[in-house]
Amino acid sequence: MDISQFSNQMKGTMDYGRTNLFQVTIPATIVNPYNSSEYDGQEELRFMAKAASLPGKSLGTIDVKRFGAIYKIANDAIVDTFSMTVMCSGDMRERRYFDAWISGIHGQDKNATNADLYRMKYYDDYTSVVIIESFGRDGSTEYTAVLQEAYPTSLGAVDLSWDTGDIATFTVNFTYRNWFEVPTVDEGLKFGSGDDSRARQE
């Protein structure tokens, strides 16, 4: 191993990706009188997502036997679920936002009748894109993943205790149809800019 080559490379344009330089945004407005949720998932959520992950994908395979040994061919694309940990504001508006989203999917609101309470909404009415961005140390966008047709499937509990004064958090799990990477374009975008126009155009 050439240490000098490694050192020169690190002094140049190469750097390591940082796990703490990211943001998650959701350009979806949830209107549900169930809890009168008013939350801007595009502007406010980016500073409240404590932990998240860039999505993965894999291929499903099937066995094929023609002549000789059995071999496998790809027959399906499989995407992971997406999970993130969210910090709570004092008025719990982040939690109310996701609660309103999930509750609205199965018809729970203040004016719901018994017949409507568990009547699921149409798929196109409750899905959205979710945008996960990873940044370089200079604040520029280095990698952007967009989840297509995403929606939350579970809302985790908030643990409360008199023993500590930690910030309250909860976990939200999402399912989605697919995800793709948005090519990084040097447009002067920096951390916290909130520009999701590239993701919307894909």
Protein backbone atom coordinates (compact mmCIF):
# COMPACT_ATOMS: atom_id res chain seq x y z
CA MET A 1 0.00 0.00 0.00
CA ASP A 2 1.35 3.40 -1.04
CA ILE A 3 0.77 5.68 1.97
CA SER A 4 1.89 8.79 0.12
CA GLN A 5 -0.55 8.13 -2.71
CA PHE A 6 -3.36 7.66 -0.20
CA SER A 7 -2.38 10.85 1.62
CA ASN A 8 -2.24 12.88 -1.59
CA GLN A 9 -5.60 11.52 -2.68
CA MET A 10 -7.22 12.49 0.61
CA LYS A 11 -5.76 16.00 0.32
CA GLY A 12 -7.34 16.33 -3.10
CA THR A 13 -10.99 15.93 -4.03
CA MET A 14 -11.62 12.64 -2.22
CA ASP A 15 -13.39 12.57 1.12
CA TYR A 16 -15.41 10.10 3.14
CA GLY A 17 -19.18 10.20 3.26
CA ARG A 18 -20.52 11.42 6.60
CA THR A 19 -23.47 9.74 8.26
CA ASN A 20 -24.51 12.89 10.14
CA LEU A 21 -24.81 15.16 7.09
CA PHE A 22 -28.27 14.44 5.72
CA GLN A 23 -31.85 15.60 5.62
CA VAL A 24 -35.22 14.03 4.90
CA THR A 25 -38.05 16.01 3.34
CA ILE A 26 -41.61 15.08 2.38
CA PRO A 27 -43.41 17.52 0.06
CA ALA A 28 -46.84 16.32 1.17
CA THR A 29 -49.52 18.35 2.90
CA ILE A 30 -51.74 16.20 5.10
CA VAL A 31 -55.20 17.64 5.75
CA ASN A 32 -57.12 15.71 8.38
CA PRO A 33 -59.55 17.24 10.89
CA TYR A 34 -58.91 14.21 13.11
CA ASN A 35 -56.16 16.11 14.94
CA SER A 36 -56.02 19.38 13.00
CA SER A 37 -52.49 18.60 11.88
CA GLU A 38 -50.66 21.51 10.27
CA TYR A 39 -47.08 20.65 9.43
CA ASP A 40 -44.73 21.48 6.59
CA GLY A 41 -42.88 18.26 5.80
CA GLN A 42 -40.81 20.11 3.22
CA GLU A 43 -39.49 22.90 5.44
CA GLU A 44 -39.70 21.68 9.04
CA LEU A 45 -38.91 17.97 8.86
CA ARG A 46 -35.34 18.39 7.58
CA PHE A 47 -34.17 19.61 10.99
CA MET A 48 -36.14 17.03 13.00
CA ALA A 49 -35.14 13.76 11.32
CA LYS A 50 -32.62 12.35 13.79
CA ALA A 51 -31.77 9.13 11.95
CA ALA A 52 -32.58 7.63 8.57
CA SER A 53 -30.99 5.41 5.94
CA LEU A 54 -30.40 5.45 2.23
CA PRO A 55 -32.61 2.70 0.75
CA GLY A 56 -31.33 -0.61 -0.53
CA LYS A 57 -32.51 -2.94 -3.25
CA SER A 58 -32.01 -6.55 -4.25
CA LEU A 59 -33.02 -9.04 -6.92
CA GLY A 60 -35.27 -12.03 -6.49
CA THR A 61 -34.13 -15.13 -8.36
CA ILE A 62 -35.55 -18.42 -9.58
CA ASP A 63 -33.80 -21.69 -10.31
CA VAL A 64 -33.36 -22.73 -13.93
CA LYS A 65 -32.24 -26.13 -15.16
CA ARG A 66 -31.61 -26.80 -18.81
CA PHE A 67 -28.47 -28.85 -19.23
CA GLY A 68 -26.02 -29.42 -16.42
CA ALA A 69 -26.09 -27.68 -13.08
CA ILE A 70 -28.99 -25.58 -11.85
CA TYR A 71 -28.37 -21.84 -12.06
CA LYS A 72 -30.35 -18.77 -11.04
CA ILE A 73 -31.81 -15.94 -13.08
CA ALA A 74 -33.26 -12.67 -11.89
CA ASN A 75 -37.05 -12.50 -11.93
CA ASP A 76 -38.00 -9.69 -9.58
CA ALA A 77 -36.80 -6.41 -8.08
CA ILE A 78 -37.10 -6.07 -4.31
CA VAL A 79 -36.83 -2.80 -2.39
CA ASP A 80 -36.38 -2.39 1.36
CA THR A 81 -38.73 -0.61 3.69
CA PHE A 82 -37.64 2.84 4.89
CA SER A 83 -37.42 3.79 8.55
CA MET A 84 -36.52 7.06 10.22
CA THR A 85 -36.36 8.41 13.75
CA VAL A 86 -37.96 11.79 14.29
CA MET A 87 -37.43 14.26 17.13
CA CYS A 88 -40.52 15.88 18.62
CA SER A 89 -41.22 19.57 18.98
CA GLY A 90 -42.81 20.69 22.23
CA ASP A 91 -46.30 20.57 20.70
CA MET A 92 -45.66 17.13 19.13
CA ARG A 93 -46.56 18.46 15.68
CA GLU A 94 -44.23 15.99 13.96
CA ARG A 95 -46.04 13.08 15.57
CA ARG A 96 -49.43 14.58 14.81
CA TYR A 97 -48.42 14.95 11.16
CA PHE A 98 -47.64 11.25 10.71
CA ASP A 99 -50.59 10.22 12.88
CA ALA A 100 -52.90 12.26 10.65
CA TRP A 101 -51.37 10.67 7.55
CA ILE A 102 -51.83 7.09 8.76
CA SER A 103 -55.24 7.76 10.31
CA GLY A 104 -56.47 9.44 7.14
CA ILE A 105 -55.61 6.36 5.09
CA HIS A 106 -58.20 4.29 6.96
CA GLY A 107 -60.78 7.06 7.20
CA GLN A 108 -60.27 8.22 10.78
CA ASP A 109 -61.25 11.85 11.28
CA LYS A 110 -63.59 13.77 13.54
CA ASN A 111 -66.47 13.56 11.09
CA ALA A 112 -66.06 9.88 10.20
CA THR A 113 -69.11 7.69 10.51
CA ASN A 114 -68.87 4.08 11.58
CA ALA A 115 -69.14 3.06 7.94
CA ASP A 116 -66.20 5.26 6.94
CA LEU A 117 -63.87 4.59 9.86
CA TYR A 118 -62.06 1.64 8.34
CA ARG A 119 -62.77 2.31 4.69
CA MET A 120 -59.35 2.61 3.06
CA LYS A 121 -58.63 5.58 0.83
CA TYR A 122 -57.60 5.32 -2.79
CA TYR A 123 -53.90 4.56 -3.26
CA ASP A 124 -53.14 7.73 -5.21
CA ASP A 125 -54.71 9.84 -2.46
CA TYR A 126 -52.25 8.89 0.28
CA THR A 127 -48.88 8.31 -1.40
CA SER A 128 -46.08 10.85 -1.76
CA VAL A 129 -42.40 11.08 -2.57
CA VAL A 130 -39.85 11.02 0.26
CA ILE A 131 -36.48 12.66 -0.44
CA ILE A 132 -33.29 11.65 1.39
CA GLU A 133 -30.22 13.81 0.76
CA SER A 134 -26.64 13.24 1.83
CA PHE A 135 -24.28 16.21 1.99
CA GLY A 136 -20.57 16.83 1.79
CA ARG A 137 -18.71 18.66 4.51
CA ASP A 138 -19.05 21.90 2.54
CA GLY A 139 -22.83 21.53 2.65
CA SER A 140 -23.26 20.65 -1.02
CA THR A 141 -25.59 17.82 -2.07
CA GLU A 142 -23.61 14.67 -2.84
CA TYR A 143 -26.34 12.04 -3.15
CA THR A 144 -30.13 12.18 -3.38
CA ALA A 145 -32.51 9.22 -3.20
CA VAL A 146 -36.22 9.62 -3.91
CA LEU A 147 -38.82 7.11 -2.73
CA GLN A 148 -41.74 6.85 -5.13
CA GLU A 149 -45.34 6.38 -4.00
CA ALA A 150 -44.35 6.20 -0.34
CA TYR A 151 -46.61 6.20 2.70
CA PRO A 152 -46.18 5.38 6.40
CA THR A 153 -47.22 1.94 7.59
CA SER A 154 -46.41 2.24 11.28
CA LEU A 155 -45.97 5.00 13.84
CA GLY A 156 -43.80 4.07 16.80
CA ALA A 157 -44.41 4.89 20.44
CA VAL A 158 -42.83 7.86 22.24
CA ASP A 159 -41.10 6.69 25.41
CA LEU A 160 -41.62 9.01 28.38
CA SER A 161 -39.77 8.85 31.69
CA TRP A 162 -39.04 11.05 34.71
CA ASP A 163 -35.55 9.54 34.86
CA THR A 164 -34.15 11.59 31.97
CA GLY A 165 -34.78 14.84 30.18
CA ASP A 166 -33.94 13.55 26.71
CA ILE A 167 -35.59 14.83 23.56
CA ALA A 168 -38.67 12.77 22.76
CA THR A 169 -38.38 10.69 19.58
CA PHE A 170 -40.41 8.16 17.63
CA THR A 171 -39.88 5.91 14.63
CA VAL A 172 -41.88 5.93 11.39
CA ASN A 173 -41.74 3.05 8.91
CA PHE A 174 -42.57 3.56 5.24
CA THR A 175 -43.29 1.31 2.32
CA TYR A 176 -42.93 2.52 -1.26
CA ARG A 177 -43.11 1.30 -4.83
CA ASN A 178 -39.56 2.03 -5.94
CA TRP A 179 -36.68 4.42 -5.44
CA PHE A 180 -34.19 6.11 -7.71
CA GLU A 181 -31.14 8.32 -7.43
CA VAL A 182 -31.35 11.89 -8.65
CA PRO A 183 -28.13 12.76 -10.51
CA THR A 184 -26.10 15.32 -8.59
CA VAL A 185 -25.91 18.62 -10.46
CA ASP A 186 -23.78 21.49 -9.21
CA GLU A 187 -26.47 24.13 -8.79
CA GLY A 188 -25.11 25.69 -5.64
CA LEU A 189 -27.55 23.72 -3.49
CA LYS A 190 -26.56 23.61 0.15
CA PHE A 191 -27.79 21.86 3.26
CA GLY A 192 -31.19 23.20 4.30
CA SER A 193 -31.97 24.77 0.93
CA GLY A 194 -35.20 22.77 0.57
CA ASP A 195 -35.07 22.72 -3.23
CA ASP A 196 -36.88 19.54 -4.32
CA SER A 197 -37.45 20.59 -7.92
CA ARG A 198 -35.04 17.97 -9.33
CA ALA A 199 -36.85 15.17 -7.52
CA ARG A 200 -40.23 16.41 -8.72
CA GLN A 201 -39.07 16.44 -12.36
CA GLU A 202 -38.04 12.76 -12.40
